[in-house]
């Protein structure tokens, strides 16, 4: 069993990264965990979209 972690600032970038990984590897996905985090830096809101794929 292995894991792969993705971390992007935009949800569409995360989606592309995950899809590229799944297309490039011959893997058996066991589970995908997803998380969104937001924090404020000055007047700017910063988002972090992350996912962990557990696979064989």
PDB file of N, CA and C in Angstrom:
ATOM      1  N   UNK A   1       0.852  -1.164   0.000  1.00  0.00           N
ATOM      2  CA  UNK A   1       0.000   0.000   0.000  1.00  0.00           C
ATOM      3  C   UNK A   1       0.905   1.236   0.000  1.00  0.00           C
ATOM      4  N   UNK A   2       0.486   2.270  -0.752  1.00  0.00           N
ATOM      5  CA  UNK A   2       1.231   3.521  -0.842  1.00  0.00           C
ATOM      6  C   UNK A   2       0.265   4.694  -0.715  1.00  0.00           C
ATOM      7  N   UNK A   3       0.844   5.882  -0.486  1.00  0.00           N
ATOM      8  CA  UNK A   3       0.040   7.107  -0.471  1.00  0.00           C
ATOM      9  C   UNK A   3       0.688   8.137  -1.379  1.00  0.00           C
ATOM     10  N   UNK A   4      -0.135   9.021  -1.909  1.00  0.00           N
ATOM     11  CA  UNK A   4       0.317  10.161  -2.704  1.00  0.00           C
ATOM     12  C   UNK A   4      -0.463  11.363  -2.200  1.00  0.00           C
ATOM     13  N   UNK A   5       0.255  12.462  -1.899  1.00  0.00           N
ATOM     14  CA  UNK A   5      -0.383  13.659  -1.356  1.00  0.00           C
ATOM     15  C   UNK A   5      -0.291  14.784  -2.374  1.00  0.00           C
ATOM     16  N   UNK A   6      -1.403  15.480  -2.535  1.00  0.00           N
ATOM     17  CA  UNK A   6      -1.489  16.616  -3.448  1.00  0.00           C
ATOM     18  C   UNK A   6      -1.891  17.849  -2.646  1.00  0.00           C
ATOM     19  N   UNK A   7      -1.339  19.004  -3.012  1.00  0.00           N
ATOM     20  CA  UNK A   7      -1.646  20.256  -2.332  1.00  0.00           C
ATOM     21  C   UNK A   7      -1.636  21.372  -3.376  1.00  0.00           C
ATOM     22  N   UNK A   8      -2.773  22.018  -3.572  1.00  0.00           N
ATOM     23  CA  UNK A   8      -2.897  23.075  -4.574  1.00  0.00           C
ATOM     24  C   UNK A   8      -3.647  24.261  -3.991  1.00  0.00           C
ATOM     25  N   UNK A   9      -3.472  25.426  -4.616  1.00  0.00           N
ATOM     26  CA  UNK A   9      -4.165  26.631  -4.177  1.00  0.00           C
ATOM     27  C   UNK A   9      -5.513  26.820  -4.848  1.00  0.00           C
ATOM     28  N   UNK A  10      -5.814  26.006  -5.825  1.00  0.00           N
ATOM     29  CA  UNK A  10      -7.074  26.115  -6.568  1.00  0.00           C
ATOM     30  C   UNK A  10      -7.651  24.718  -6.769  1.00  0.00           C
ATOM     31  N   UNK A  11      -8.954  24.587  -6.612  1.00  0.00           N
ATOM     32  CA  UNK A  11      -9.562  23.257  -6.716  1.00  0.00           C
ATOM     33  C   UNK A  11      -9.423  22.656  -8.104  1.00  0.00           C
ATOM     34  N   UNK A  12      -9.426  23.476  -9.150  1.00  0.00           N
ATOM     35  CA  UNK A  12      -9.268  22.933 -10.495  1.00  0.00           C
ATOM     36  C   UNK A  12      -7.836  22.424 -10.713  1.00  0.00           C
ATOM     37  N   UNK A  13      -6.841  23.075 -10.080  1.00  0.00           N
ATOM     38  CA  UNK A  13      -5.467  22.579 -10.149  1.00  0.00           C
ATOM     39  C   UNK A  13      -5.337  21.238  -9.431  1.00  0.00           C
ATOM     40  N   UNK A  14      -6.012  21.100  -8.298  1.00  0.00           N
ATOM     41  CA  UNK A  14      -5.994  19.831  -7.563  1.00  0.00           C
ATOM     42  C   UNK A  14      -6.632  18.730  -8.409  1.00  0.00           C
ATOM     43  N   UNK A  15      -7.745  19.039  -9.013  1.00  0.00           N
ATOM     44  CA  UNK A  15      -8.427  18.066  -9.869  1.00  0.00           C
ATOM     45  C   UNK A  15      -7.518  17.621 -11.010  1.00  0.00           C
ATOM     46  N   UNK A  16      -6.849  18.559 -11.652  1.00  0.00           N
ATOM     47  CA  UNK A  16      -5.953  18.223 -12.761  1.00  0.00           C
ATOM     48  C   UNK A  16      -4.781  17.372 -12.272  1.00  0.00           C
ATOM     49  N   UNK A  17      -4.184  17.737 -11.149  1.00  0.00           N
ATOM     50  CA  UNK A  17      -3.056  16.964 -10.608  1.00  0.00           C
ATOM     51  C   UNK A  17      -3.456  15.527 -10.304  1.00  0.00           C
ATOM     52  N   UNK A  18      -4.621  15.361  -9.686  1.00  0.00           N
ATOM     53  CA  UNK A  18      -5.096  14.010  -9.356  1.00  0.00           C
ATOM     54  C   UNK A  18      -5.398  13.225 -10.627  1.00  0.00           C
ATOM     55  N   UNK A  19      -6.095  13.836 -11.567  1.00  0.00           N
ATOM     56  CA  UNK A  19      -6.424  13.139 -12.816  1.00  0.00           C
ATOM     57  C   UNK A  19      -5.167  12.763 -13.595  1.00  0.00           C
ATOM     58  N   UNK A  20      -4.176  13.656 -13.634  1.00  0.00           N
ATOM     59  CA  UNK A  20      -2.917  13.338 -14.309  1.00  0.00           C
ATOM     60  C   UNK A  20      -2.226  12.152 -13.646  1.00  0.00           C
ATOM     61  N   UNK A  21      -2.213  12.130 -12.309  1.00  0.00           N
ATOM     62  CA  UNK A  21      -1.611  11.015 -11.584  1.00  0.00           C
ATOM     63  C   UNK A  21      -2.341   9.712 -11.883  1.00  0.00           C
ATOM     64  N   UNK A  22      -3.651   9.735 -11.837  1.00  0.00           N
ATOM     65  CA  UNK A  22      -4.434   8.521 -12.072  1.00  0.00           C
ATOM     66  C   UNK A  22      -4.276   8.023 -13.501  1.00  0.00           C
ATOM     67  N   UNK A  23      -4.122   8.943 -14.455  1.00  0.00           N
ATOM     68  CA  UNK A  23      -3.936   8.546 -15.855  1.00  0.00           C
ATOM     69  C   UNK A  23      -2.535   8.001 -16.128  1.00  0.00           C
ATOM     70  N   UNK A  24      -1.540   8.453 -15.352  1.00  0.00           N
ATOM     71  CA  UNK A  24      -0.160   8.076 -15.629  1.00  0.00           C
ATOM     72  C   UNK A  24       0.267   6.776 -14.956  1.00  0.00           C
ATOM     73  N   UNK A  25      -0.474   6.323 -14.003  1.00  0.00           N
ATOM     74  CA  UNK A  25      -0.103   5.134 -13.231  1.00  0.00           C
ATOM     75  C   UNK A  25      -1.159   4.040 -13.407  1.00  0.00           C
ATOM     76  N   UNK A  26      -0.713   2.790 -13.342  1.00  0.00           N
ATOM     77  CA  UNK A  26      -1.635   1.660 -13.304  1.00  0.00           C
ATOM     78  C   UNK A  26      -1.791   1.278 -11.836  1.00  0.00           C
ATOM     79  N   UNK A  27      -2.773   1.909 -11.180  1.00  0.00           N
ATOM     80  CA  UNK A  27      -2.920   1.736  -9.735  1.00  0.00           C
ATOM     81  C   UNK A  27      -4.326   1.276  -9.389  1.00  0.00           C
ATOM     82  N   UNK A  28      -4.430   0.729  -8.199  1.00  0.00           N
ATOM     83  CA  UNK A  28      -5.716   0.328  -7.639  1.00  0.00           C
ATOM     84  C   UNK A  28      -5.996   1.266  -6.467  1.00  0.00           C
ATOM     85  N   UNK A  29      -6.902   2.229  -6.656  1.00  0.00           N
ATOM     86  CA  UNK A  29      -7.210   3.215  -5.623  1.00  0.00           C
ATOM     87  C   UNK A  29      -8.009   2.550  -4.509  1.00  0.00           C
ATOM     88  N   UNK A  30      -7.542   2.728  -3.283  1.00  0.00           N
ATOM     89  CA  UNK A  30      -8.252   2.213  -2.116  1.00  0.00           C
ATOM     90  C   UNK A  30      -9.163   3.291  -1.543  1.00  0.00           C
ATOM     91  N   UNK A  31      -8.630   4.517  -1.426  1.00  0.00           N
ATOM     92  CA  UNK A  31      -9.410   5.610  -0.835  1.00  0.00           C
ATOM     93  C   UNK A  31      -8.804   6.941  -1.252  1.00  0.00           C
ATOM     94  N   UNK A  32      -9.635   7.972  -1.241  1.00  0.00           N
ATOM     95  CA  UNK A  32      -9.167   9.336  -1.464  1.00  0.00           C
ATOM     96  C   UNK A  32      -9.726  10.199  -0.343  1.00  0.00           C
ATOM     97  N   UNK A  33      -8.838  10.888   0.347  1.00  0.00           N
ATOM     98  CA  UNK A  33      -9.223  11.824   1.411  1.00  0.00           C
ATOM     99  C   UNK A  33      -9.038  13.235   0.870  1.00  0.00           C
ATOM    100  N   UNK A  34      -9.997  14.126   1.152  1.00  0.00           N
ATOM    101  CA  UNK A  34      -9.974  15.486   0.636  1.00  0.00           C
ATOM    102  C   UNK A  34     -10.127  16.471   1.784  1.00  0.00           C
ATOM    103  N   UNK A  35      -9.420  17.605   1.683  1.00  0.00           N
ATOM    104  CA  UNK A  35      -9.517  18.622   2.735  1.00  0.00           C
ATOM    105  C   UNK A  35      -9.350  20.006   2.121  1.00  0.00           C
ATOM    106  N   UNK A  36     -10.124  20.958   2.619  1.00  0.00           N
ATOM    107  CA  UNK A  36      -9.994  22.360   2.235  1.00  0.00           C
ATOM    108  C   UNK A  36      -9.694  23.168   3.486  1.00  0.00           C
ATOM    109  N   UNK A  37      -8.703  24.049   3.383  1.00  0.00           N
ATOM    110  CA  UNK A  37      -8.329  24.921   4.487  1.00  0.00           C
ATOM    111  C   UNK A  37      -8.310  26.352   3.986  1.00  0.00           C
ATOM    112  N   UNK A  38      -8.755  27.284   4.844  1.00  0.00           N
ATOM    113  CA  UNK A  38      -8.738  28.691   4.493  1.00  0.00           C
ATOM    114  C   UNK A  38      -8.167  29.468   5.666  1.00  0.00           C
ATOM    115  N   UNK A  39      -7.302  30.443   5.349  1.00  0.00           N
ATOM    116  CA  UNK A  39      -6.817  31.337   6.392  1.00  0.00           C
ATOM    117  C   UNK A  39      -6.676  32.737   5.811  1.00  0.00           C
ATOM    118  N   UNK A  40      -6.603  33.719   6.685  1.00  0.00           N
ATOM    119  CA  UNK A  40      -6.533  35.114   6.277  1.00  0.00           C
ATOM    120  C   UNK A  40      -5.112  35.620   6.512  1.00  0.00           C
ATOM    121  N   UNK A  41      -4.561  36.272   5.497  1.00  0.00           N
ATOM    122  CA  UNK A  41      -3.246  36.898   5.583  1.00  0.00           C
ATOM    123  C   UNK A  41      -3.411  38.356   5.180  1.00  0.00           C
ATOM    124  N   UNK A  42      -3.433  39.229   6.170  1.00  0.00           N
ATOM    125  CA  UNK A  42      -3.727  40.637   5.882  1.00  0.00           C
ATOM    126  C   UNK A  42      -5.183  40.762   5.476  1.00  0.00           C
ATOM    127  N   UNK A  43      -5.408  41.250   4.280  1.00  0.00           N
ATOM    128  CA  UNK A  43      -6.776  41.371   3.754  1.00  0.00           C
ATOM    129  C   UNK A  43      -7.101  40.277   2.751  1.00  0.00           C
ATOM    130  N   UNK A  44      -6.189  39.333   2.582  1.00  0.00           N
ATOM    131  CA  UNK A  44      -6.359  38.294   1.580  1.00  0.00           C
ATOM    132  C   UNK A  44      -6.759  36.968   2.229  1.00  0.00           C
ATOM    133  N   UNK A  45      -7.728  36.284   1.608  1.00  0.00           N
ATOM    134  CA  UNK A  45      -8.096  34.933   2.031  1.00  0.00           C
ATOM    135  C   UNK A  45      -7.304  33.951   1.186  1.00  0.00           C
ATOM    136  N   UNK A  46      -6.653  33.018   1.840  1.00  0.00           N
ATOM    137  CA  UNK A  46      -5.846  32.033   1.136  1.00  0.00           C
ATOM    138  C   UNK A  46      -6.459  30.653   1.362  1.00  0.00           C
ATOM    139  N   UNK A  47      -6.672  29.943   0.261  1.00  0.00           N
ATOM    140  CA  UNK A  47      -7.261  28.613   0.318  1.00  0.00           C
ATOM    141  C   UNK A  47      -6.208  27.571  -0.023  1.00  0.00           C
ATOM    142  N   UNK A  48      -6.337  26.430   0.588  1.00  0.00           N
ATOM    143  CA  UNK A  48      -5.483  25.291   0.319  1.00  0.00           C
ATOM    144  C   UNK A  48      -6.370  24.071   0.099  1.00  0.00           C
ATOM    145  N   UNK A  49      -6.248  23.461  -1.043  1.00  0.00           N
ATOM    146  CA  UNK A  49      -7.019  22.270  -1.369  1.00  0.00           C
ATOM    147  C   UNK A  49      -6.047  21.108  -1.412  1.00  0.00           C
ATOM    148  N   UNK A  50      -6.299  20.081  -0.609  1.00  0.00           N
ATOM    149  CA  UNK A  50      -5.369  18.955  -0.564  1.00  0.00           C
ATOM    150  C   UNK A  50      -6.130  17.640  -0.615  1.00  0.00           C
ATOM    151  N   UNK A  51      -5.404  16.630  -1.065  1.00  0.00           N
ATOM    152  CA  UNK A  51      -5.984  15.292  -1.143  1.00  0.00           C
ATOM    153  C   UNK A  51      -4.883  14.271  -0.926  1.00  0.00           C
ATOM    154  N   UNK A  52      -5.270  13.143  -0.351  1.00  0.00           N
ATOM    155  CA  UNK A  52      -4.365  12.027  -0.183  1.00  0.00           C
ATOM    156  C   UNK A  52      -5.014  10.821  -0.843  1.00  0.00           C
ATOM    157  N   UNK A  53      -4.271  10.203  -1.727  1.00  0.00           N
ATOM    158  CA  UNK A  53      -4.751   8.991  -2.385  1.00  0.00           C
ATOM    159  C   UNK A  53      -4.016   7.806  -1.774  1.00  0.00           C
ATOM    160  N   UNK A  54      -4.774   6.843  -1.295  1.00  0.00           N
ATOM    161  CA  UNK A  54      -4.236   5.590  -0.769  1.00  0.00           C
ATOM    162  C   UNK A  54      -4.446   4.551  -1.878  1.00  0.00           C
ATOM    163  N   UNK A  55      -3.369   3.882  -2.270  1.00  0.00           N
ATOM    164  CA  UNK A  55      -3.482   2.993  -3.419  1.00  0.00           C
ATOM    165  C   UNK A  55      -2.502   1.821  -3.313  1.00  0.00           C
ATOM    166  N   UNK A  56      -2.763   0.837  -4.155  1.00  0.00           N
ATOM    167  CA  UNK A  56      -1.836  -0.311  -4.317  1.00  0.00           C
ATOM    168  C   UNK A  56      -1.156  -0.175  -5.662  1.00  0.00           C
TER     169      UNK A  56
END
